[in-house]
Each structure stands twice: as C-alpha cells, then as structure tokens.
Amino acid sequence: MTRFPRDRFDDVADGPRVGAHRGAARRGGGWVVFAWAALATGVLVGIGVLVLALLNGSVQFTEGSGGSTASATSTPSASASSDSDSDSDAGADADSGADDGGATQSPSAAAGASAADQGTTTLVVLNGTSTTGLAANASTRLGTAGWTVSSTGDAGTTGATQTIVYYQQESQAAVAQGVAQALGVSAVQQSAAFPNADVSVVLGSDYTG
C-alpha cells in the first residue's frame, strides 16, 4: 500500500465549524412539497378538460344582456306534407288506369250528347265479366235509347268490376258521356286501348242491365 508524507491536513484540530454545512431536516417538509405538487396537477387537469370541451363544441357561450349564457341547439321538427293524401289518390288512379288498358280519367262533361248527335261515331259494347249475354243486354238497351251499336263481343277479360265508357278523341267525349248516361253509369275515360271503335263500352260486374 502506498503511503504519502504527512501534511497539514492530517493535523486538523477540533473546533467550531467553518464554511457551508447541511442543516438538520425540518419535520413535515415533504408533505408541503407533496401538497403543492398535487395542487398544480389538479389545476393543469382542470384546464385540460375545459380546453377539450371547448374544442369538441360541447360547451357554447352566447353573449346576452345578462352576460355569457350556455345555449342549447334546437332540433327542427319534421312537418307532414299536405299533399300526401292527394299523391296517394293519384297513385291509386294510375294503378286503376293500368288495369283498364292504360286509360286516363277525363274531365266530367257538362252534359252528355244525345243519340241524335252520334253521327258517324262508331260504338261497340264489350263484356268484361263472365256473365253470359251481358253485352247483348246492354246493346239492346242502347238501341232502345236511339244509339247505334256497331258490334258486341268480349273484352278479353272477365275480371272487370266497373263499367267504363272509353273514347279515343276529345271530340267524342260528349258522345261517350251520353252513352254512359243511357246505361246508368258514370265512368268515362279517354283511352287508345280499344282502337276498333270510336267509343267502347266495357261492362263490369256493377252493370245489372
């Protein structure tokens, strides 16, 4: 082991301390530091929560006479359309027209023409039911009223429930209305579904003769 020569630091005499020395620790000093740290943490967490709420838009402030007040967003209520019923009726009429060969409902004629006004307008009577002789019965009734029926026959369907008088041209609407009145029915429609005559009567199950 290396030995060094003796010097002045080996002869330090006991006496009062000179210079800086660590003092004795005070009791409770650690709790004070912990309390300040906890308070600072709480403040930082509160500020962070408030910033996040403002960024997400969950808290809104509006300027009013009484200061800043939180505002709520109102949701508009859905309003029902007043035309829904009319649209449903229009759809039902369209379906009915498709079943009757694409016919469209015509405006109601002010007054039907008389048999004397038939002129060269051709008229046929078709049976749209399974009742035998219904077309002949209606033809006889029209002939008695003065109308000229060109021919009678079957409509190609036996499921018609309503008697409808069809006409092709607008100028024939009054004649069709007069034929309908002679048969005691009211349904008159313009349609190109029956091209073999100017006016075609399709008898339904509602016609009793």
Protein backbone atom coordinates (compact mmCIF):
# COMPACT_ATOMS: atom_id res chain seq x y z
CA MET A 1 0.00 0.00 0.00
CA THR A 2 1.39 3.44 -0.97
CA ARG A 3 1.98 5.81 1.88
CA PHE A 4 2.12 9.58 1.46
CA PRO A 5 4.13 12.00 3.58
CA ARG A 6 2.27 13.70 6.41
CA ASP A 7 0.95 17.22 5.69
CA ARG A 8 -1.19 19.93 7.35
CA PHE A 9 -4.49 18.25 6.57
CA ASP A 10 -3.53 15.38 8.86
CA ASP A 11 -3.40 17.74 11.83
CA VAL A 12 -6.95 19.29 11.70
CA ALA A 13 -7.87 20.44 15.18
CA ASP A 14 -11.35 20.01 16.65
CA GLY A 15 -13.18 23.36 16.83
CA PRO A 16 -16.20 25.31 15.56
CA ARG A 17 -17.36 24.55 12.03
CA VAL A 18 -16.30 26.91 9.31
CA GLY A 19 -17.99 27.13 5.87
CA ALA A 20 -21.32 25.78 4.47
CA HIS A 21 -22.86 22.76 6.14
CA ARG A 22 -26.20 20.90 5.60
CA GLY A 23 -28.60 21.75 8.35
CA ALA A 24 -30.93 19.32 10.06
CA ALA A 25 -34.05 18.49 8.03
CA ARG A 26 -37.26 20.15 9.26
CA ARG A 27 -40.20 17.92 10.15
CA GLY A 28 -43.16 17.96 7.70
CA GLY A 29 -41.22 19.49 4.83
CA GLY A 30 -42.03 16.53 2.50
CA TRP A 31 -45.82 16.94 2.95
CA VAL A 32 -45.66 20.57 1.94
CA VAL A 33 -43.91 19.69 -1.29
CA PHE A 34 -46.46 16.93 -1.98
CA ALA A 35 -49.39 19.30 -1.38
CA TRP A 36 -48.06 21.89 -3.81
CA ALA A 37 -47.44 19.22 -6.43
CA ALA A 38 -51.00 17.85 -6.07
CA LEU A 39 -52.49 21.35 -6.34
CA ALA A 40 -50.53 22.09 -9.50
CA THR A 41 -51.60 18.77 -11.02
CA GLY A 42 -55.29 19.46 -10.29
CA VAL A 43 -55.12 22.90 -11.88
CA LEU A 44 -53.47 21.52 -15.02
CA VAL A 45 -56.06 18.71 -15.33
CA GLY A 46 -58.95 21.19 -14.96
CA ILE A 47 -57.52 23.46 -17.65
CA GLY A 48 -57.06 20.49 -19.98
CA VAL A 49 -60.67 19.29 -19.52
CA LEU A 50 -62.02 22.79 -20.24
CA VAL A 51 -59.90 23.13 -23.39
CA LEU A 52 -61.07 19.74 -24.70
CA ALA A 53 -64.73 20.63 -24.04
CA LEU A 54 -64.39 23.88 -25.98
CA LEU A 55 -62.68 22.12 -28.90
CA ASN A 56 -65.43 19.47 -29.10
CA GLY A 57 -68.16 22.12 -29.12
CA SER A 58 -70.00 20.60 -26.15
CA VAL A 59 -69.96 23.94 -24.38
CA GLN A 60 -71.08 27.04 -26.27
CA PHE A 61 -71.37 30.57 -24.97
CA THR A 62 -73.56 33.31 -26.38
CA GLU A 63 -73.39 36.95 -25.50
CA GLY A 64 -76.59 38.22 -23.85
CA SER A 65 -77.82 41.08 -21.74
CA GLY A 66 -77.13 39.16 -18.56
CA GLY A 67 -73.65 38.03 -19.55
CA SER A 68 -72.45 34.78 -21.12
CA THR A 69 -75.02 32.01 -21.02
CA ALA A 70 -74.86 28.44 -22.33
CA SER A 71 -77.01 27.97 -25.43
CA ALA A 72 -78.83 24.81 -26.50
CA THR A 73 -79.30 23.77 -30.13
CA SER A 74 -82.93 23.20 -31.08
CA THR A 75 -83.87 20.40 -33.46
CA PRO A 76 -86.47 21.31 -36.12
CA SER A 77 -89.48 19.02 -36.13
CA ALA A 78 -90.43 17.27 -39.32
CA SER A 79 -93.65 18.56 -40.87
CA ALA A 80 -96.02 16.31 -42.74
CA SER A 81 -96.71 17.16 -46.37
CA SER A 82 -100.24 18.31 -47.03
CA ASP A 83 -100.14 16.74 -50.47
CA SER A 84 -99.52 13.16 -49.28
CA ASP A 85 -103.17 12.17 -49.46
CA SER A 86 -103.59 13.59 -52.95
CA ASP A 87 -100.42 11.82 -54.10
CA SER A 88 -101.77 8.52 -52.76
CA ASP A 89 -105.05 9.07 -54.58
CA ALA A 90 -103.18 9.87 -57.78
CA GLY A 91 -101.17 6.64 -57.43
CA ALA A 92 -104.34 4.64 -56.92
CA ASP A 93 -105.91 6.20 -60.03
CA ALA A 94 -102.78 5.40 -62.04
CA ASP A 95 -102.94 1.74 -60.96
CA SER A 96 -106.62 1.60 -61.87
CA GLY A 97 -105.86 3.08 -65.28
CA ALA A 98 -103.15 0.48 -65.87
CA ASP A 99 -105.59 -2.33 -65.11
CA ASP A 100 -108.05 -0.88 -67.61
CA GLY A 101 -105.61 -0.81 -70.50
CA GLY A 102 -103.79 2.46 -69.76
CA ALA A 103 -106.89 4.66 -69.73
CA THR A 104 -106.76 8.17 -68.29
CA GLN A 105 -109.63 9.82 -66.48
CA SER A 106 -111.22 12.66 -68.49
CA PRO A 107 -112.82 15.79 -67.05
CA SER A 108 -116.51 15.41 -66.40
CA ALA A 109 -118.56 16.52 -69.38
CA ALA A 110 -121.06 19.27 -68.61
CA ALA A 111 -123.80 17.35 -70.43
CA GLY A 112 -123.75 14.16 -72.46
CA ALA A 113 -124.72 14.20 -76.14
CA SER A 114 -128.00 12.67 -77.24
CA ALA A 115 -128.36 9.71 -79.58
CA ALA A 116 -129.16 12.13 -82.41
CA ASP A 117 -125.65 13.59 -82.04
CA GLN A 118 -123.89 10.25 -82.58
CA GLY A 119 -123.36 10.87 -86.30
CA THR A 120 -120.55 8.69 -87.66
CA THR A 121 -119.11 7.85 -84.24
CA THR A 122 -118.79 4.08 -84.02
CA LEU A 123 -119.91 2.34 -80.83
CA VAL A 124 -119.16 -1.17 -79.57
CA VAL A 125 -120.22 -2.95 -76.37
CA LEU A 126 -117.79 -5.45 -74.75
CA ASN A 127 -118.47 -7.87 -71.91
CA GLY A 128 -115.73 -7.68 -69.24
CA THR A 129 -117.35 -10.26 -66.95
CA SER A 130 -118.20 -13.97 -67.01
CA THR A 131 -121.95 -13.23 -67.18
CA THR A 132 -123.29 -14.57 -70.46
CA GLY A 133 -125.39 -12.21 -72.61
CA LEU A 134 -124.45 -9.04 -70.72
CA ALA A 135 -123.17 -7.29 -73.84
CA ALA A 136 -126.30 -8.15 -75.81
CA ASN A 137 -128.44 -6.84 -72.96
CA ALA A 138 -126.59 -3.51 -72.88
CA SER A 139 -126.69 -3.25 -76.69
CA THR A 140 -130.46 -3.68 -76.66
CA ARG A 141 -130.81 -1.00 -74.00
CA LEU A 142 -128.71 1.45 -76.05
CA GLY A 143 -130.65 0.66 -79.22
CA THR A 144 -133.90 1.37 -77.41
CA ALA A 145 -132.49 4.77 -76.38
CA GLY A 146 -131.69 5.55 -80.04
CA TRP A 147 -127.97 4.72 -80.08
CA THR A 148 -126.45 2.69 -82.92
CA VAL A 149 -124.22 -0.16 -81.72
CA SER A 150 -121.77 -1.40 -84.35
CA SER A 151 -120.97 -4.71 -82.65
CA THR A 152 -120.81 -6.60 -79.36
CA GLY A 153 -118.23 -9.03 -78.01
CA ASP A 154 -115.91 -9.95 -75.14
CA ALA A 155 -113.39 -7.52 -73.68
CA GLY A 156 -110.68 -10.16 -73.30
CA THR A 157 -111.03 -10.18 -69.52
CA THR A 158 -113.67 -11.45 -67.12
CA GLY A 159 -112.46 -9.57 -64.03
CA ALA A 160 -113.79 -6.06 -64.70
CA THR A 161 -115.63 -4.72 -61.67
CA GLN A 162 -116.63 -1.29 -63.02
CA THR A 163 -118.40 -0.39 -66.24
CA ILE A 164 -116.37 2.21 -68.13
CA VAL A 165 -117.12 4.00 -71.41
CA TYR A 166 -113.89 4.69 -73.34
CA TYR A 167 -113.42 7.17 -76.17
CA GLN A 168 -110.38 7.90 -78.34
CA GLN A 169 -110.65 11.57 -79.35
CA GLU A 170 -111.57 14.53 -77.17
CA SER A 171 -114.33 15.44 -79.62
CA GLN A 172 -116.02 12.12 -78.77
CA ALA A 173 -116.22 12.80 -75.02
CA ALA A 174 -119.78 14.14 -75.16
CA VAL A 175 -120.98 11.07 -77.09
CA ALA A 176 -119.28 8.77 -74.55
CA GLN A 177 -120.92 10.69 -71.72
CA GLY A 178 -124.33 10.31 -73.39
CA VAL A 179 -123.80 6.54 -73.78
CA ALA A 180 -122.82 6.26 -70.12
CA GLN A 181 -125.97 8.10 -69.07
CA ALA A 182 -128.10 5.80 -71.21
CA LEU A 183 -126.57 2.78 -69.42
CA GLY A 184 -126.90 4.35 -65.98
CA VAL A 185 -123.14 4.52 -65.32
CA SER A 186 -120.82 7.47 -64.77
CA ALA A 187 -117.24 6.31 -65.52
CA VAL A 188 -115.95 7.85 -68.78
CA GLN A 189 -112.30 7.76 -69.79
CA GLN A 190 -110.15 8.66 -72.77
CA SER A 191 -108.01 5.75 -73.93
CA ALA A 192 -106.37 4.28 -77.00
CA ALA A 193 -106.67 0.74 -75.66
CA PHE A 194 -109.67 -0.03 -77.94
CA PRO A 195 -108.76 1.11 -81.48
CA ASN A 196 -111.56 -0.80 -83.26
CA ALA A 197 -114.22 1.81 -82.40
CA ASP A 198 -114.51 5.47 -81.51
CA VAL A 199 -116.44 4.69 -78.32
CA SER A 200 -116.13 1.34 -76.49
CA VAL A 201 -118.24 0.24 -73.56
CA VAL A 202 -116.56 -2.33 -71.26
CA LEU A 203 -119.17 -3.80 -68.94
CA GLY A 204 -118.17 -4.65 -65.40
CA SER A 205 -119.79 -6.66 -62.66
CA ASP A 206 -121.51 -3.49 -61.40
CA TYR A 207 -123.76 -3.40 -64.51
CA THR A 208 -127.06 -5.14 -63.85
CA GLY A 209 -128.90 -4.20 -67.05
